[in-house]
């Protein structure tokens, strides 16, 4: 099965530099075998795809200075949504007056919790990276969206 995604362009927003930015709104449907705790090989490509799309959008916005951090943050949040969430996954990235906001949603109402990974664990550090990299981060009241921000 070939993965499919939908990218929607939202209305223009103006940043302090008086540039018009179009927000990124991406959603993709999980492969039928992916569930919380079991991500199919087909769905393992999504974090890499999201990184490429974010890089392209930030280059278009002439903000390459945000690329590395935004890619890392989005990758960690998308990976968490795939590993621990359920249902389709959505990614939004848009500027506010002074921040770049990245949101990743799934249909799980379980709140993500940072954990202390042992030195030999292969995973378990994603939210610690988000906490260390983002200016701020949090979870929607219903637990379905995890968001983070970077200063513009």
C-alpha atoms as a PDB file:
ATOM      1  CA  UNK A   1       0.000   0.000   0.000  1.00  0.00           C
ATOM      2  CA  UNK A   2       1.388   3.396  -0.953  1.00  0.00           C
ATOM      3  CA  UNK A   3       1.166   6.054   1.752  1.00  0.00           C
ATOM      4  CA  UNK A   4      -1.052   9.017   0.942  1.00  0.00           C
ATOM      5  CA  UNK A   5      -1.132  12.489   2.428  1.00  0.00           C
ATOM      6  CA  UNK A   6      -3.079  15.663   1.995  1.00  0.00           C
ATOM      7  CA  UNK A   7      -1.419  19.063   2.123  1.00  0.00           C
ATOM      8  CA  UNK A   8      -3.669  22.076   2.451  1.00  0.00           C
ATOM      9  CA  UNK A   9      -2.715  25.703   2.117  1.00  0.00           C
ATOM     10  CA  UNK A  10      -4.291  27.938   4.673  1.00  0.00           C
ATOM     11  CA  UNK A  11      -4.732  31.699   4.604  1.00  0.00           C
ATOM     12  CA  UNK A  12      -1.752  34.026   4.631  1.00  0.00           C
ATOM     13  CA  UNK A  13      -0.360  35.309   7.898  1.00  0.00           C
ATOM     14  CA  UNK A  14       1.930  38.259   8.312  1.00  0.00           C
ATOM     15  CA  UNK A  15       5.057  38.034  10.430  1.00  0.00           C
ATOM     16  CA  UNK A  16       6.979  40.933  11.936  1.00  0.00           C
ATOM     17  CA  UNK A  17       9.158  41.071   8.824  1.00  0.00           C
ATOM     18  CA  UNK A  18       5.998  41.918   6.799  1.00  0.00           C
ATOM     19  CA  UNK A  19       6.277  38.735   4.749  1.00  0.00           C
ATOM     20  CA  UNK A  20       3.217  36.704   3.882  1.00  0.00           C
ATOM     21  CA  UNK A  21       3.488  33.140   5.149  1.00  0.00           C
ATOM     22  CA  UNK A  22       1.155  30.316   4.206  1.00  0.00           C
ATOM     23  CA  UNK A  23       0.650  27.859   7.036  1.00  0.00           C
ATOM     24  CA  UNK A  24       1.406  24.185   6.502  1.00  0.00           C
ATOM     25  CA  UNK A  25      -1.416  21.735   7.164  1.00  0.00           C
ATOM     26  CA  UNK A  26      -0.600  18.098   6.423  1.00  0.00           C
ATOM     27  CA  UNK A  27      -2.474  14.947   7.322  1.00  0.00           C
ATOM     28  CA  UNK A  28      -1.869  11.307   6.543  1.00  0.00           C
ATOM     29  CA  UNK A  29      -3.730   8.071   7.022  1.00  0.00           C
ATOM     30  CA  UNK A  30      -1.971   5.269   8.857  1.00  0.00           C
ATOM     31  CA  UNK A  31      -1.516   1.952   7.125  1.00  0.00           C
ATOM     32  CA  UNK A  32      -4.050  -0.630   8.255  1.00  0.00           C
ATOM     33  CA  UNK A  33      -1.531  -2.585  10.345  1.00  0.00           C
ATOM     34  CA  UNK A  34      -0.295   0.396  12.363  1.00  0.00           C
ATOM     35  CA  UNK A  35      -1.540   0.685  15.915  1.00  0.00           C
ATOM     36  CA  UNK A  36      -0.218   2.205  19.108  1.00  0.00           C
ATOM     37  CA  UNK A  37       2.948   0.256  19.808  1.00  0.00           C
ATOM     38  CA  UNK A  38       3.220  -1.264  16.308  1.00  0.00           C
ATOM     39  CA  UNK A  39       4.184   1.000  13.405  1.00  0.00           C
ATOM     40  CA  UNK A  40       4.242  -0.607   9.962  1.00  0.00           C
ATOM     41  CA  UNK A  41       7.179  -0.244   7.616  1.00  0.00           C
ATOM     42  CA  UNK A  42       4.947   1.839   5.357  1.00  0.00           C
ATOM     43  CA  UNK A  43       4.276   4.356   8.147  1.00  0.00           C
ATOM     44  CA  UNK A  44       7.914   4.537   9.196  1.00  0.00           C
ATOM     45  CA  UNK A  45       8.526   6.824   6.187  1.00  0.00           C
ATOM     46  CA  UNK A  46       6.294   9.608   7.538  1.00  0.00           C
ATOM     47  CA  UNK A  47       8.760  11.322   9.886  1.00  0.00           C
ATOM     48  CA  UNK A  48      11.267  11.636   7.022  1.00  0.00           C
ATOM     49  CA  UNK A  49       8.564  12.975   4.674  1.00  0.00           C
ATOM     50  CA  UNK A  50       7.459  15.533   7.245  1.00  0.00           C
ATOM     51  CA  UNK A  51      11.080  16.686   7.710  1.00  0.00           C
ATOM     52  CA  UNK A  52      11.440  17.266   3.965  1.00  0.00           C
ATOM     53  CA  UNK A  53       8.178  19.202   3.754  1.00  0.00           C
ATOM     54  CA  UNK A  54       9.093  21.377   6.749  1.00  0.00           C
ATOM     55  CA  UNK A  55      12.536  22.071   5.306  1.00  0.00           C
ATOM     56  CA  UNK A  56      11.017  23.107   1.979  1.00  0.00           C
ATOM     57  CA  UNK A  57       8.457  25.360   3.650  1.00  0.00           C
ATOM     58  CA  UNK A  58      11.055  27.075   5.837  1.00  0.00           C
ATOM     59  CA  UNK A  59      13.336  27.613   2.834  1.00  0.00           C
ATOM     60  CA  UNK A  60      10.375  29.123   0.984  1.00  0.00           C
ATOM     61  CA  UNK A  61       9.792  31.415   3.976  1.00  0.00           C
ATOM     62  CA  UNK A  62      13.501  32.316   3.936  1.00  0.00           C
ATOM     63  CA  UNK A  63      13.935  30.978   7.467  1.00  0.00           C
ATOM     64  CA  UNK A  64      16.701  28.366   7.114  1.00  0.00           C
ATOM     65  CA  UNK A  65      17.830  29.287  10.634  1.00  0.00           C
ATOM     66  CA  UNK A  66      14.812  27.410  12.022  1.00  0.00           C
ATOM     67  CA  UNK A  67      15.160  24.317   9.850  1.00  0.00           C
ATOM     68  CA  UNK A  68      17.249  22.028  12.058  1.00  0.00           C
ATOM     69  CA  UNK A  69      15.214  22.673  15.202  1.00  0.00           C
ATOM     70  CA  UNK A  70      11.841  22.520  13.431  1.00  0.00           C
ATOM     71  CA  UNK A  71      12.769  19.253  11.697  1.00  0.00           C
ATOM     72  CA  UNK A  72      13.884  17.687  14.979  1.00  0.00           C
ATOM     73  CA  UNK A  73      10.755  18.812  16.826  1.00  0.00           C
ATOM     74  CA  UNK A  74       8.346  17.676  14.114  1.00  0.00           C
ATOM     75  CA  UNK A  75      10.140  14.334  13.749  1.00  0.00           C
ATOM     76  CA  UNK A  76       9.907  13.628  17.465  1.00  0.00           C
ATOM     77  CA  UNK A  77       6.240  14.612  17.687  1.00  0.00           C
ATOM     78  CA  UNK A  78       5.238  12.650  14.562  1.00  0.00           C
ATOM     79  CA  UNK A  79       7.175   9.608  15.752  1.00  0.00           C
ATOM     80  CA  UNK A  80       5.409   9.790  19.129  1.00  0.00           C
ATOM     81  CA  UNK A  81       2.021  10.087  17.400  1.00  0.00           C
ATOM     82  CA  UNK A  82       2.793   7.010  15.304  1.00  0.00           C
ATOM     83  CA  UNK A  83       4.188   4.958  18.203  1.00  0.00           C
ATOM     84  CA  UNK A  84       1.740   5.897  20.921  1.00  0.00           C
ATOM     85  CA  UNK A  85      -1.304   7.452  19.243  1.00  0.00           C
ATOM     86  CA  UNK A  86      -4.107   6.157  17.106  1.00  0.00           C
ATOM     87  CA  UNK A  87      -5.902   7.182  13.950  1.00  0.00           C
ATOM     88  CA  UNK A  88      -4.800   9.595  11.258  1.00  0.00           C
ATOM     89  CA  UNK A  89      -1.938  11.970  12.022  1.00  0.00           C
ATOM     90  CA  UNK A  90      -2.002  15.674  11.259  1.00  0.00           C
ATOM     91  CA  UNK A  91       0.819  18.217  11.252  1.00  0.00           C
ATOM     92  CA  UNK A  92       0.370  21.988  11.285  1.00  0.00           C
ATOM     93  CA  UNK A  93       3.132  24.567  11.210  1.00  0.00           C
ATOM     94  CA  UNK A  94       2.423  28.276  11.213  1.00  0.00           C
ATOM     95  CA  UNK A  95       3.906  31.525  12.439  1.00  0.00           C
ATOM     96  CA  UNK A  96       2.322  33.649  15.123  1.00  0.00           C
ATOM     97  CA  UNK A  97       3.440  37.192  15.917  1.00  0.00           C
ATOM     98  CA  UNK A  98       6.817  36.080  17.288  1.00  0.00           C
ATOM     99  CA  UNK A  99       6.911  32.274  17.218  1.00  0.00           C
ATOM    100  CA  UNK A 100       6.783  29.327  14.866  1.00  0.00           C
ATOM    101  CA  UNK A 101       4.220  26.833  16.135  1.00  0.00           C
ATOM    102  CA  UNK A 102       4.268  23.135  15.244  1.00  0.00           C
ATOM    103  CA  UNK A 103       1.275  20.958  16.138  1.00  0.00           C
ATOM    104  CA  UNK A 104       0.916  17.202  15.720  1.00  0.00           C
ATOM    105  CA  UNK A 105      -2.431  15.559  16.341  1.00  0.00           C
ATOM    106  CA  UNK A 106      -3.799  12.059  16.452  1.00  0.00           C
ATOM    107  CA  UNK A 107      -6.986  10.672  17.952  1.00  0.00           C
ATOM    108  CA  UNK A 108      -5.474   9.399  21.186  1.00  0.00           C
ATOM    109  CA  UNK A 109      -6.614  11.128  24.355  1.00  0.00           C
ATOM    110  CA  UNK A 110      -3.609   9.858  26.326  1.00  0.00           C
ATOM    111  CA  UNK A 111      -1.272  12.623  27.406  1.00  0.00           C
ATOM    112  CA  UNK A 112       2.396  12.239  26.441  1.00  0.00           C
ATOM    113  CA  UNK A 113       4.728  12.065  29.418  1.00  0.00           C
ATOM    114  CA  UNK A 114       8.508  12.535  29.270  1.00  0.00           C
ATOM    115  CA  UNK A 115      10.324   9.566  30.675  1.00  0.00           C
ATOM    116  CA  UNK A 116      13.825   8.879  31.865  1.00  0.00           C
ATOM    117  CA  UNK A 117      15.397   6.456  29.404  1.00  0.00           C
ATOM    118  CA  UNK A 118      18.246   4.239  30.549  1.00  0.00           C
ATOM    119  CA  UNK A 119      21.582   4.861  28.860  1.00  0.00           C
ATOM    120  CA  UNK A 120      21.203   1.689  26.761  1.00  0.00           C
ATOM    121  CA  UNK A 121      17.545   2.268  25.733  1.00  0.00           C
ATOM    122  CA  UNK A 122      17.024   2.766  21.999  1.00  0.00           C
ATOM    123  CA  UNK A 123      14.148   5.186  22.456  1.00  0.00           C
ATOM    124  CA  UNK A 124      12.345   7.182  25.127  1.00  0.00           C
ATOM    125  CA  UNK A 125      14.123  10.512  24.726  1.00  0.00           C
ATOM    126  CA  UNK A 126      11.793  12.263  22.277  1.00  0.00           C
ATOM    127  CA  UNK A 127       9.962  14.551  24.683  1.00  0.00           C
ATOM    128  CA  UNK A 128      13.214  15.322  26.477  1.00  0.00           C
ATOM    129  CA  UNK A 129      14.575  16.541  23.116  1.00  0.00           C
ATOM    130  CA  UNK A 130      11.405  18.546  22.536  1.00  0.00           C
ATOM    131  CA  UNK A 131      11.724  20.106  25.983  1.00  0.00           C
ATOM    132  CA  UNK A 132      15.388  20.963  25.401  1.00  0.00           C
ATOM    133  CA  UNK A 133      14.904  22.348  21.860  1.00  0.00           C
ATOM    134  CA  UNK A 134      11.541  24.119  21.865  1.00  0.00           C
ATOM    135  CA  UNK A 135      10.909  27.530  23.365  1.00  0.00           C
ATOM    136  CA  UNK A 136       7.732  26.032  24.838  1.00  0.00           C
ATOM    137  CA  UNK A 137       5.619  22.902  24.376  1.00  0.00           C
ATOM    138  CA  UNK A 138       2.410  21.407  25.642  1.00  0.00           C
ATOM    139  CA  UNK A 139      -0.651  19.285  24.982  1.00  0.00           C
ATOM    140  CA  UNK A 140      -4.216  20.281  24.105  1.00  0.00           C
ATOM    141  CA  UNK A 141      -6.776  19.842  26.897  1.00  0.00           C
ATOM    142  CA  UNK A 142      -8.222  16.745  25.198  1.00  0.00           C
ATOM    143  CA  UNK A 143      -4.771  15.159  24.731  1.00  0.00           C
ATOM    144  CA  UNK A 144      -5.072  14.816  20.951  1.00  0.00           C
ATOM    145  CA  UNK A 145      -2.584  17.529  19.936  1.00  0.00           C
ATOM    146  CA  UNK A 146       0.980  18.031  21.100  1.00  0.00           C
ATOM    147  CA  UNK A 147       2.451  21.400  20.147  1.00  0.00           C
ATOM    148  CA  UNK A 148       5.724  23.250  20.444  1.00  0.00           C
ATOM    149  CA  UNK A 149       7.081  26.663  19.527  1.00  0.00           C
ATOM    150  CA  UNK A 150      10.321  28.225  18.370  1.00  0.00           C
ATOM    151  CA  UNK A 151      11.114  31.922  18.570  1.00  0.00           C
ATOM    152  CA  UNK A 152      11.069  33.682  15.196  1.00  0.00           C
END
